[in-house]
């Protein structure tokens, strides 16, 4: 829901629990896999709609924090076609749990901004969320996976954007700039572009 961000982290008996809203539907990753099984991607119109709703949710989240682990697996489409952004604190909670073990939740996600990957999660920020959002948008437009590694996904996303016009390419380049300070400054700015 974009009007209210629902999340809860609780601890009981030394165990940490993450409680999220039940969503009657599928993850965006599952929906994309079904479309790709038929040799299709989402249409530009559908992608714009999904991304606009994610931007609305992120705008609200960014008032106090950042998502930190935005992927197609953490965005859900209800059976009524509503977009829900889930796993709001997952990235931070898991990063804190894995850090003492010398491990990182962020090393294998191709959507994670470079500064977050290097920091093990300490650099989670709205700019990092917009980086992930840009790569997700390109993933949704592609009838085949963009790749498994960070560099491969970014390279393929840029190639796909080049074929879709200068406006999309400029948005992708700005949202995925290596320097977080050079990225778009808000989810609202991303949506309006």
N, C-alpha and C. Protein backbone atom coordinates (compact mmCIF):
# COMPACT_ATOMS: atom_id res chain seq x y z
N UNK A 1 0.84 -1.19 0.00
CA UNK A 1 0.00 0.00 0.00
C UNK A 1 0.88 1.24 0.00
N UNK A 2 0.52 2.22 -0.77
CA UNK A 2 1.31 3.45 -0.79
C UNK A 2 0.84 4.45 0.26
N UNK A 3 -0.33 4.24 0.83
CA UNK A 3 -0.81 5.18 1.83
C UNK A 3 -0.28 4.84 3.21
N UNK A 4 0.10 3.59 3.42
CA UNK A 4 0.64 3.19 4.70
C UNK A 4 1.71 2.14 4.51
N UNK A 5 2.83 2.32 5.18
CA UNK A 5 3.90 1.35 5.10
C UNK A 5 3.75 0.45 6.31
N UNK A 6 3.55 -0.82 6.07
CA UNK A 6 3.32 -1.75 7.16
C UNK A 6 4.53 -2.65 7.33
N UNK A 7 5.11 -2.62 8.51
CA UNK A 7 6.22 -3.51 8.81
C UNK A 7 6.33 -3.62 10.31
N UNK A 8 6.86 -4.74 10.74
CA UNK A 8 7.05 -4.93 12.16
C UNK A 8 8.19 -5.91 12.38
N UNK A 9 9.08 -5.54 13.25
CA UNK A 9 10.15 -6.43 13.67
C UNK A 9 9.95 -6.65 15.16
N UNK A 10 9.98 -7.91 15.56
CA UNK A 10 9.78 -8.23 16.97
C UNK A 10 10.86 -9.22 17.40
N UNK A 11 11.12 -9.22 18.69
CA UNK A 11 12.07 -10.18 19.24
C UNK A 11 11.41 -10.88 20.40
N UNK A 12 11.58 -12.19 20.44
CA UNK A 12 11.03 -12.98 21.53
C UNK A 12 11.96 -14.15 21.78
N UNK A 13 12.37 -14.30 23.02
CA UNK A 13 13.25 -15.40 23.38
C UNK A 13 14.56 -15.41 22.60
N UNK A 14 15.07 -14.22 22.29
CA UNK A 14 16.32 -14.13 21.56
C UNK A 14 16.19 -14.36 20.06
N UNK A 15 14.96 -14.60 19.59
CA UNK A 15 14.72 -14.81 18.17
C UNK A 15 14.11 -13.55 17.58
N UNK A 16 14.59 -13.17 16.42
CA UNK A 16 14.10 -12.00 15.72
C UNK A 16 13.05 -12.43 14.70
N UNK A 17 11.92 -11.72 14.67
CA UNK A 17 10.83 -12.04 13.76
C UNK A 17 10.52 -10.83 12.90
N UNK A 18 10.29 -11.08 11.63
CA UNK A 18 9.87 -10.06 10.69
C UNK A 18 8.44 -10.39 10.29
N UNK A 19 7.52 -9.48 10.56
CA UNK A 19 6.12 -9.71 10.28
C UNK A 19 5.70 -8.77 9.14
N UNK A 20 5.07 -9.37 8.12
CA UNK A 20 4.64 -8.57 6.97
C UNK A 20 3.18 -8.87 6.65
N UNK A 21 2.59 -7.95 5.94
CA UNK A 21 1.22 -8.10 5.47
C UNK A 21 1.12 -9.30 4.53
N UNK A 22 0.07 -10.10 4.65
CA UNK A 22 -0.19 -11.17 3.71
C UNK A 22 -0.68 -10.55 2.40
N UNK A 23 -0.11 -10.99 1.29
CA UNK A 23 -0.51 -10.49 -0.02
C UNK A 23 -1.09 -11.64 -0.81
N UNK A 24 -2.36 -11.52 -1.18
CA UNK A 24 -3.02 -12.53 -2.00
C UNK A 24 -2.65 -12.25 -3.45
N UNK A 25 -1.58 -12.88 -3.92
CA UNK A 25 -1.09 -12.65 -5.27
C UNK A 25 0.25 -13.31 -5.45
N UNK A 26 1.12 -12.68 -6.24
CA UNK A 26 2.43 -13.24 -6.56
C UNK A 26 3.49 -12.15 -6.49
N UNK A 27 4.72 -12.60 -6.33
CA UNK A 27 5.82 -11.65 -6.42
C UNK A 27 5.96 -11.21 -7.87
N UNK A 28 6.55 -10.06 -8.04
CA UNK A 28 6.82 -9.56 -9.38
C UNK A 28 7.77 -10.52 -10.11
N UNK A 29 8.69 -11.13 -9.38
CA UNK A 29 9.61 -12.11 -9.97
C UNK A 29 8.84 -13.31 -10.54
N UNK A 30 7.86 -13.81 -9.80
CA UNK A 30 7.06 -14.95 -10.27
C UNK A 30 6.22 -14.56 -11.48
N UNK A 31 5.63 -13.39 -11.44
CA UNK A 31 4.82 -12.92 -12.57
C UNK A 31 5.68 -12.73 -13.81
N UNK A 32 6.88 -12.19 -13.63
CA UNK A 32 7.81 -12.00 -14.75
C UNK A 32 8.25 -13.35 -15.32
N UNK A 33 8.52 -14.32 -14.47
CA UNK A 33 8.93 -15.65 -14.93
C UNK A 33 7.83 -16.28 -15.80
N UNK A 34 6.58 -16.10 -15.40
CA UNK A 34 5.46 -16.64 -16.20
C UNK A 34 5.40 -15.98 -17.57
N UNK A 35 5.58 -14.68 -17.61
CA UNK A 35 5.56 -13.97 -18.90
C UNK A 35 6.72 -14.42 -19.78
N UNK A 36 7.89 -14.55 -19.16
CA UNK A 36 9.06 -14.97 -19.93
C UNK A 36 8.93 -16.41 -20.44
N UNK A 37 8.24 -17.23 -19.70
CA UNK A 37 8.01 -18.61 -20.17
C UNK A 37 7.25 -18.62 -21.49
N UNK A 38 6.47 -17.58 -21.71
CA UNK A 38 5.74 -17.41 -22.96
C UNK A 38 6.50 -16.54 -23.96
N UNK A 39 7.77 -16.22 -23.66
CA UNK A 39 8.60 -15.43 -24.57
C UNK A 39 8.29 -13.95 -24.57
N UNK A 40 7.66 -13.47 -23.49
CA UNK A 40 7.25 -12.06 -23.45
C UNK A 40 7.80 -11.37 -22.20
N UNK A 41 7.86 -10.07 -22.30
CA UNK A 41 8.15 -9.23 -21.14
C UNK A 41 6.88 -8.46 -20.82
N UNK A 42 6.95 -7.58 -19.86
CA UNK A 42 5.83 -6.68 -19.60
C UNK A 42 5.87 -5.56 -20.65
N UNK A 43 4.73 -5.00 -20.98
CA UNK A 43 4.69 -3.86 -21.89
C UNK A 43 5.24 -2.63 -21.18
N UNK A 44 5.66 -1.65 -21.96
CA UNK A 44 6.18 -0.41 -21.37
C UNK A 44 5.12 0.25 -20.49
N UNK A 45 3.87 0.20 -20.91
CA UNK A 45 2.78 0.80 -20.13
C UNK A 45 2.64 0.13 -18.77
N UNK A 46 2.69 -1.20 -18.75
CA UNK A 46 2.57 -1.94 -17.49
C UNK A 46 3.78 -1.66 -16.59
N UNK A 47 4.97 -1.65 -17.18
CA UNK A 47 6.18 -1.36 -16.40
C UNK A 47 6.09 0.03 -15.80
N UNK A 48 5.67 1.01 -16.58
CA UNK A 48 5.53 2.37 -16.06
C UNK A 48 4.58 2.38 -14.86
N UNK A 49 3.46 1.69 -14.96
CA UNK A 49 2.48 1.65 -13.89
C UNK A 49 3.07 1.01 -12.63
N UNK A 50 3.73 -0.12 -12.80
CA UNK A 50 4.32 -0.81 -11.65
C UNK A 50 5.38 0.08 -10.99
N UNK A 51 6.27 0.63 -11.80
CA UNK A 51 7.36 1.46 -11.27
C UNK A 51 6.80 2.71 -10.59
N UNK A 52 5.75 3.31 -11.15
CA UNK A 52 5.14 4.49 -10.52
C UNK A 52 4.60 4.15 -9.14
N UNK A 53 3.98 3.00 -8.99
CA UNK A 53 3.46 2.59 -7.67
C UNK A 53 4.60 2.30 -6.70
N UNK A 54 5.67 1.68 -7.19
CA UNK A 54 6.83 1.44 -6.33
C UNK A 54 7.42 2.78 -5.89
N UNK A 55 7.50 3.74 -6.81
CA UNK A 55 8.00 5.08 -6.46
C UNK A 55 7.15 5.73 -5.37
N UNK A 56 5.84 5.56 -5.47
CA UNK A 56 4.95 6.11 -4.44
C UNK A 56 5.27 5.51 -3.09
N UNK A 57 5.45 4.20 -3.04
CA UNK A 57 5.78 3.52 -1.78
C UNK A 57 7.15 3.98 -1.27
N UNK A 58 8.13 4.03 -2.17
CA UNK A 58 9.47 4.44 -1.75
C UNK A 58 9.50 5.88 -1.25
N UNK A 59 8.70 6.73 -1.86
CA UNK A 59 8.64 8.11 -1.40
C UNK A 59 8.25 8.16 0.07
N UNK A 60 7.30 7.33 0.43
CA UNK A 60 6.85 7.27 1.84
C UNK A 60 7.93 6.64 2.73
N UNK A 61 8.52 5.55 2.27
CA UNK A 61 9.57 4.88 3.02
C UNK A 61 10.76 5.81 3.25
N UNK A 62 11.13 6.55 2.21
CA UNK A 62 12.31 7.41 2.28
C UNK A 62 12.13 8.60 3.22
N UNK A 63 10.93 8.81 3.72
CA UNK A 63 10.74 9.86 4.73
C UNK A 63 11.48 9.52 6.02
N UNK A 64 11.69 8.21 6.26
CA UNK A 64 12.32 7.79 7.51
C UNK A 64 13.49 6.82 7.34
N UNK A 65 13.55 6.11 6.22
CA UNK A 65 14.57 5.08 6.06
C UNK A 65 14.73 4.77 4.58
N UNK A 66 15.31 3.64 4.27
CA UNK A 66 15.41 3.15 2.90
C UNK A 66 15.02 1.68 2.91
N UNK A 67 14.60 1.17 1.77
CA UNK A 67 14.18 -0.23 1.68
C UNK A 67 15.38 -1.14 1.90
N UNK A 68 16.38 -1.00 1.09
CA UNK A 68 17.62 -1.73 1.29
C UNK A 68 17.78 -3.04 0.55
N UNK A 69 16.70 -3.65 0.11
CA UNK A 69 16.84 -4.92 -0.62
C UNK A 69 15.75 -5.04 -1.69
N UNK A 70 15.60 -3.99 -2.45
CA UNK A 70 14.56 -3.93 -3.47
C UNK A 70 14.92 -4.84 -4.64
N UNK A 71 14.07 -5.82 -4.91
CA UNK A 71 14.23 -6.75 -6.03
C UNK A 71 12.84 -7.12 -6.52
N UNK A 72 12.72 -7.75 -7.69
CA UNK A 72 11.40 -8.22 -8.14
C UNK A 72 10.78 -9.24 -7.17
N UNK A 73 11.60 -9.90 -6.38
CA UNK A 73 11.09 -10.84 -5.39
C UNK A 73 10.49 -10.18 -4.17
N UNK A 74 10.76 -8.88 -3.99
CA UNK A 74 10.24 -8.14 -2.83
C UNK A 74 9.12 -7.18 -3.19
N UNK A 75 8.65 -7.28 -4.42
CA UNK A 75 7.50 -6.49 -4.87
C UNK A 75 6.42 -7.49 -5.24
N UNK A 76 5.20 -7.23 -4.81
CA UNK A 76 4.11 -8.18 -5.01
C UNK A 76 2.97 -7.53 -5.79
N UNK A 77 2.34 -8.34 -6.63
CA UNK A 77 1.16 -7.92 -7.37
C UNK A 77 -0.01 -8.73 -6.82
N UNK A 78 -1.00 -8.03 -6.29
CA UNK A 78 -2.15 -8.73 -5.74
C UNK A 78 -3.00 -9.28 -6.88
N UNK A 79 -3.92 -10.14 -6.54
CA UNK A 79 -4.85 -10.67 -7.55
C UNK A 79 -5.77 -9.58 -8.09
N UNK A 80 -5.81 -8.43 -7.43
CA UNK A 80 -6.59 -7.28 -7.90
C UNK A 80 -5.68 -6.27 -8.61
N UNK A 81 -4.45 -6.69 -8.94
CA UNK A 81 -3.46 -5.89 -9.67
C UNK A 81 -2.94 -4.69 -8.89
N UNK A 82 -2.97 -4.74 -7.58
CA UNK A 82 -2.34 -3.69 -6.76
C UNK A 82 -0.88 -4.05 -6.55
N UNK A 83 -0.05 -3.03 -6.48
CA UNK A 83 1.39 -3.22 -6.26
C UNK A 83 1.69 -3.03 -4.78
N UNK A 84 2.39 -3.99 -4.20
CA UNK A 84 2.78 -3.92 -2.79
C UNK A 84 4.29 -4.11 -2.69
N UNK A 85 4.96 -3.26 -1.95
CA UNK A 85 6.39 -3.39 -1.74
C UNK A 85 6.58 -4.03 -0.38
N UNK A 86 7.26 -5.16 -0.35
CA UNK A 86 7.44 -5.91 0.89
C UNK A 86 8.88 -5.97 1.35
N UNK A 87 9.07 -6.69 2.44
CA UNK A 87 10.40 -6.94 3.01
C UNK A 87 11.14 -5.64 3.30
N UNK A 88 10.44 -4.69 3.88
CA UNK A 88 10.98 -3.35 4.08
C UNK A 88 12.25 -3.29 4.91
N UNK A 89 12.38 -4.11 5.91
CA UNK A 89 13.57 -4.02 6.76
C UNK A 89 14.47 -5.23 6.61
N UNK A 90 14.13 -6.10 5.69
CA UNK A 90 14.87 -7.35 5.51
C UNK A 90 16.36 -7.11 5.33
N UNK A 91 16.73 -6.22 4.44
CA UNK A 91 18.15 -5.97 4.15
C UNK A 91 18.94 -5.60 5.38
N UNK A 92 18.41 -4.67 6.16
CA UNK A 92 19.14 -4.24 7.36
C UNK A 92 19.20 -5.33 8.43
N UNK A 93 18.11 -6.03 8.65
CA UNK A 93 18.07 -7.07 9.67
C UNK A 93 19.04 -8.19 9.34
N UNK A 94 19.00 -8.66 8.11
CA UNK A 94 19.88 -9.75 7.71
C UNK A 94 21.33 -9.30 7.68
N UNK A 95 21.58 -8.07 7.22
CA UNK A 95 22.96 -7.55 7.19
C UNK A 95 23.54 -7.53 8.60
N UNK A 96 22.75 -7.10 9.57
CA UNK A 96 23.23 -7.06 10.96
C UNK A 96 23.51 -8.46 11.49
N UNK A 97 22.67 -9.41 11.12
CA UNK A 97 22.86 -10.79 11.59
C UNK A 97 24.08 -11.46 10.95
N UNK A 98 24.34 -11.17 9.69
CA UNK A 98 25.45 -11.82 8.98
C UNK A 98 26.80 -11.13 9.18
N UNK A 99 26.78 -9.85 9.53
CA UNK A 99 28.01 -9.08 9.67
C UNK A 99 29.01 -9.72 10.64
N UNK A 100 28.59 -10.15 11.83
CA UNK A 100 29.56 -10.77 12.75
C UNK A 100 30.16 -12.06 12.19
N UNK A 101 29.49 -12.66 11.21
CA UNK A 101 29.98 -13.89 10.61
C UNK A 101 30.88 -13.62 9.40
N UNK A 102 31.06 -12.32 9.09
CA UNK A 102 31.88 -11.94 7.94
C UNK A 102 31.20 -12.21 6.61
N UNK A 103 29.88 -12.28 6.62
CA UNK A 103 29.12 -12.55 5.40
C UNK A 103 28.19 -11.38 5.11
N UNK A 104 27.68 -11.34 3.87
CA UNK A 104 26.80 -10.24 3.48
C UNK A 104 25.63 -10.77 2.67
N UNK A 105 24.45 -10.25 2.93
CA UNK A 105 23.26 -10.59 2.18
C UNK A 105 23.30 -9.96 0.79
N UNK A 106 24.16 -8.99 0.59
CA UNK A 106 24.13 -8.18 -0.62
C UNK A 106 25.10 -8.65 -1.71
N UNK A 107 25.90 -9.64 -1.45
CA UNK A 107 26.94 -9.99 -2.41
C UNK A 107 26.41 -10.61 -3.70
N UNK A 108 25.25 -11.22 -3.68
CA UNK A 108 24.80 -11.92 -4.87
C UNK A 108 23.61 -11.29 -5.59
N UNK A 109 23.07 -10.21 -5.11
CA UNK A 109 21.93 -9.58 -5.78
C UNK A 109 22.43 -8.63 -6.86
N UNK A 110 22.01 -8.84 -8.10
CA UNK A 110 22.45 -7.94 -9.17
C UNK A 110 21.82 -6.55 -9.10
N UNK A 111 20.85 -6.34 -8.22
CA UNK A 111 20.16 -5.06 -8.12
C UNK A 111 20.78 -4.12 -7.09
N UNK A 112 21.68 -4.62 -6.29
CA UNK A 112 22.25 -3.85 -5.19
C UNK A 112 23.27 -2.84 -5.71
N UNK A 113 23.14 -1.62 -5.22
CA UNK A 113 24.06 -0.55 -5.61
C UNK A 113 25.48 -0.91 -5.15
N UNK A 114 26.48 -0.47 -5.92
CA UNK A 114 27.86 -0.84 -5.59
C UNK A 114 28.31 -0.45 -4.19
N UNK A 115 27.88 0.72 -3.72
CA UNK A 115 28.31 1.15 -2.38
C UNK A 115 27.72 0.27 -1.28
N UNK A 116 26.54 -0.28 -1.51
CA UNK A 116 25.92 -1.18 -0.53
C UNK A 116 26.64 -2.52 -0.54
N UNK A 117 26.95 -3.02 -1.72
CA UNK A 117 27.66 -4.29 -1.85
C UNK A 117 29.01 -4.22 -1.12
N UNK A 118 29.74 -3.13 -1.33
CA UNK A 118 31.07 -2.97 -0.73
C UNK A 118 30.98 -2.81 0.79
N UNK A 119 29.95 -2.11 1.25
CA UNK A 119 29.83 -1.82 2.69
C UNK A 119 29.17 -2.95 3.47
N UNK A 120 28.65 -3.96 2.79
CA UNK A 120 27.94 -5.02 3.49
C UNK A 120 26.60 -4.58 4.03
N UNK A 121 26.09 -3.48 3.54
CA UNK A 121 24.77 -3.01 3.96
C UNK A 121 24.79 -1.71 4.72
N UNK A 122 25.98 -1.23 5.09
CA UNK A 122 26.05 0.02 5.86
C UNK A 122 25.66 1.24 5.04
N UNK A 123 25.72 1.13 3.72
CA UNK A 123 25.44 2.28 2.85
C UNK A 123 24.03 2.25 2.26
N UNK A 124 23.12 1.50 2.88
CA UNK A 124 21.74 1.49 2.39
C UNK A 124 21.20 2.91 2.47
N UNK A 125 20.59 3.36 1.35
CA UNK A 125 20.11 4.74 1.28
C UNK A 125 19.01 4.83 0.23
N UNK A 126 18.27 5.92 0.20
CA UNK A 126 17.31 6.13 -0.88
C UNK A 126 17.97 6.06 -2.26
N UNK A 127 19.20 6.60 -2.39
CA UNK A 127 19.89 6.54 -3.68
C UNK A 127 20.15 5.11 -4.11
N UNK A 128 20.46 4.25 -3.14
CA UNK A 128 20.68 2.83 -3.45
C UNK A 128 19.37 2.17 -3.88
N UNK A 129 18.26 2.56 -3.28
CA UNK A 129 16.95 2.03 -3.68
C UNK A 129 16.63 2.42 -5.13
N UNK A 130 16.95 3.65 -5.51
CA UNK A 130 16.67 4.11 -6.87
C UNK A 130 17.56 3.39 -7.88
N UNK A 131 18.76 3.05 -7.48
CA UNK A 131 19.66 2.25 -8.32
C UNK A 131 18.98 0.91 -8.62
N UNK A 132 18.51 0.25 -7.56
CA UNK A 132 17.84 -1.04 -7.72
C UNK A 132 16.57 -0.91 -8.55
N UNK A 133 15.82 0.14 -8.33
CA UNK A 133 14.57 0.36 -9.06
C UNK A 133 14.82 0.49 -10.56
N UNK A 134 15.86 1.21 -10.93
CA UNK A 134 16.18 1.39 -12.35
C UNK A 134 16.50 0.04 -13.01
N UNK A 135 17.29 -0.78 -12.34
CA UNK A 135 17.63 -2.08 -12.90
C UNK A 135 16.40 -2.99 -12.95
N UNK A 136 15.54 -2.88 -11.95
CA UNK A 136 14.30 -3.66 -11.97
C UNK A 136 13.42 -3.27 -13.15
N UNK A 137 13.32 -1.98 -13.43
CA UNK A 137 12.49 -1.52 -14.55
C UNK A 137 12.99 -2.13 -15.85
N UNK A 138 14.29 -2.14 -16.03
CA UNK A 138 14.85 -2.71 -17.26
C UNK A 138 14.63 -4.21 -17.31
N UNK A 139 14.74 -4.86 -16.17
CA UNK A 139 14.49 -6.31 -16.11
C UNK A 139 13.07 -6.62 -16.56
N UNK A 140 12.12 -5.81 -16.14
CA UNK A 140 10.71 -6.04 -16.49
C UNK A 140 10.45 -5.83 -17.98
N UNK A 141 11.26 -5.02 -18.63
CA UNK A 141 11.09 -4.75 -20.06
C UNK A 141 11.76 -5.80 -20.94
N UNK A 142 12.55 -6.67 -20.33
CA UNK A 142 13.32 -7.65 -21.10
C UNK A 142 12.62 -9.01 -21.15
N UNK A 143 12.47 -9.61 -22.35
CA UNK A 143 11.84 -10.92 -22.44
C UNK A 143 12.73 -12.06 -21.95
N UNK A 144 14.00 -11.77 -21.69
CA UNK A 144 14.92 -12.76 -21.13
C UNK A 144 15.66 -12.11 -19.96
N UNK A 145 16.14 -12.92 -19.02
CA UNK A 145 16.87 -12.34 -17.88
C UNK A 145 18.07 -11.52 -18.35
N UNK A 146 18.32 -10.42 -17.67
CA UNK A 146 19.44 -9.56 -18.02
C UNK A 146 20.77 -10.16 -17.59
N UNK A 147 20.75 -11.12 -16.70
CA UNK A 147 21.98 -11.77 -16.25
C UNK A 147 21.90 -12.13 -14.79
N UNK A 148 22.99 -12.72 -14.29
CA UNK A 148 23.04 -13.16 -12.90
C UNK A 148 23.95 -12.30 -12.04
N UNK A 149 24.91 -11.66 -12.68
CA UNK A 149 25.86 -10.86 -11.90
C UNK A 149 25.54 -9.39 -12.05
N UNK A 150 26.04 -8.62 -11.09
CA UNK A 150 25.79 -7.18 -11.09
C UNK A 150 26.25 -6.53 -12.38
N UNK A 151 27.49 -6.76 -12.78
CA UNK A 151 28.03 -6.13 -13.98
C UNK A 151 27.28 -6.53 -15.23
N UNK A 152 26.91 -7.79 -15.32
CA UNK A 152 26.17 -8.29 -16.48
C UNK A 152 24.79 -7.63 -16.59
N UNK A 153 24.09 -7.53 -15.47
CA UNK A 153 22.76 -6.93 -15.47
C UNK A 153 22.84 -5.46 -15.87
N UNK A 154 23.79 -4.73 -15.32
CA UNK A 154 23.92 -3.32 -15.65
C UNK A 154 24.26 -3.13 -17.13
N UNK A 155 25.18 -3.93 -17.64
CA UNK A 155 25.57 -3.83 -19.06
C UNK A 155 24.38 -4.13 -19.98
N UNK A 156 23.65 -5.19 -19.69
CA UNK A 156 22.51 -5.56 -20.52
C UNK A 156 21.37 -4.54 -20.39
N UNK A 157 21.19 -3.99 -19.20
CA UNK A 157 20.16 -2.97 -19.00
C UNK A 157 20.46 -1.74 -19.85
N UNK A 158 21.72 -1.33 -19.88
CA UNK A 158 22.11 -0.17 -20.68
C UNK A 158 21.90 -0.43 -22.17
N UNK A 159 22.22 -1.64 -22.62
CA UNK A 159 22.00 -1.99 -24.04
C UNK A 159 20.51 -1.97 -24.37
N UNK A 160 19.69 -2.52 -23.48
CA UNK A 160 18.24 -2.53 -23.69
C UNK A 160 17.70 -1.10 -23.72
N UNK A 161 18.18 -0.26 -22.82
CA UNK A 161 17.72 1.13 -22.77
C UNK A 161 18.10 1.90 -24.03
N UNK A 162 19.29 1.63 -24.57
CA UNK A 162 19.72 2.30 -25.80
C UNK A 162 18.72 2.06 -26.92
N UNK A 163 18.17 0.86 -26.97
CA UNK A 163 17.21 0.51 -28.01
C UNK A 163 15.82 1.07 -27.76
N UNK A 164 15.60 1.62 -26.61
CA UNK A 164 14.28 2.15 -26.24
C UNK A 164 14.20 3.67 -26.28
N UNK A 165 15.31 4.33 -26.57
CA UNK A 165 15.26 5.79 -26.68
C UNK A 165 16.16 6.49 -25.69
N UNK A 166 16.51 7.72 -26.02
CA UNK A 166 17.42 8.52 -25.22
C UNK A 166 16.87 8.85 -23.83
N UNK A 167 15.57 9.06 -23.73
CA UNK A 167 14.99 9.41 -22.43
C UNK A 167 15.17 8.29 -21.41
N UNK A 168 14.90 7.07 -21.83
CA UNK A 168 15.05 5.92 -20.93
C UNK A 168 16.52 5.69 -20.61
N UNK A 169 17.38 5.82 -21.61
CA UNK A 169 18.81 5.65 -21.38
C UNK A 169 19.33 6.69 -20.39
N UNK A 170 18.92 7.94 -20.54
CA UNK A 170 19.36 9.00 -19.62
C UNK A 170 18.88 8.73 -18.20
N UNK A 171 17.64 8.26 -18.04
CA UNK A 171 17.12 7.92 -16.72
C UNK A 171 17.93 6.80 -16.09
N UNK A 172 18.19 5.75 -16.87
CA UNK A 172 18.94 4.61 -16.35
C UNK A 172 20.36 5.02 -15.96
N UNK A 173 21.01 5.81 -16.81
CA UNK A 173 22.37 6.24 -16.51
C UNK A 173 22.43 7.10 -15.25
N UNK A 174 21.44 7.97 -15.07
CA UNK A 174 21.44 8.83 -13.88
C UNK A 174 21.11 8.02 -12.62
N UNK A 175 20.19 7.10 -12.73
CA UNK A 175 19.79 6.31 -11.56
C UNK A 175 20.84 5.29 -11.15
N UNK A 176 21.70 4.90 -12.10
CA UNK A 176 22.72 3.89 -11.78
C UNK A 176 24.14 4.48 -11.77
N UNK A 177 24.25 5.77 -11.60
CA UNK A 177 25.58 6.38 -11.51
C UNK A 177 26.36 5.73 -10.37
N UNK A 178 27.66 5.55 -10.58
CA UNK A 178 28.49 4.92 -9.55
C UNK A 178 28.52 5.74 -8.27
N UNK A 179 28.48 7.05 -8.40
CA UNK A 179 28.49 7.94 -7.24
C UNK A 179 27.04 8.18 -6.79
N UNK A 180 26.68 7.75 -5.60
CA UNK A 180 25.30 7.93 -5.12
C UNK A 180 24.84 9.39 -5.14
N UNK A 181 25.77 10.33 -4.96
CA UNK A 181 25.43 11.76 -4.96
C UNK A 181 25.01 12.25 -6.35
N UNK A 182 25.39 11.51 -7.39
CA UNK A 182 25.06 11.90 -8.77
C UNK A 182 23.74 11.31 -9.24
N UNK A 183 23.11 10.49 -8.42
CA UNK A 183 21.85 9.86 -8.80
C UNK A 183 20.68 10.80 -8.59
N UNK A 184 19.54 10.41 -9.13
CA UNK A 184 18.30 11.16 -8.89
C UNK A 184 18.12 11.35 -7.40
N UNK A 185 17.51 12.46 -7.01
CA UNK A 185 17.44 12.77 -5.58
C UNK A 185 16.21 12.25 -4.86
N UNK A 186 15.25 11.65 -5.58
CA UNK A 186 14.07 11.14 -4.89
C UNK A 186 13.29 10.18 -5.77
N UNK A 187 12.47 9.37 -5.13
CA UNK A 187 11.58 8.47 -5.87
C UNK A 187 10.59 9.26 -6.70
N UNK A 188 10.18 10.41 -6.20
CA UNK A 188 9.28 11.28 -6.95
C UNK A 188 9.92 11.77 -8.24
N UNK A 189 11.21 12.13 -8.16
CA UNK A 189 11.94 12.58 -9.36
C UNK A 189 12.07 11.42 -10.34
N UNK A 190 12.28 10.23 -9.85
CA UNK A 190 12.37 9.04 -10.72
C UNK A 190 11.04 8.84 -11.45
N UNK A 191 9.95 8.90 -10.69
CA UNK A 191 8.63 8.69 -11.26
C UNK A 191 8.30 9.72 -12.33
N UNK A 192 8.66 10.97 -12.08
CA UNK A 192 8.33 12.05 -13.02
C UNK A 192 9.16 12.03 -14.29
N UNK A 193 10.28 11.35 -14.29
CA UNK A 193 11.14 11.30 -15.47
C UNK A 193 10.52 10.38 -16.49
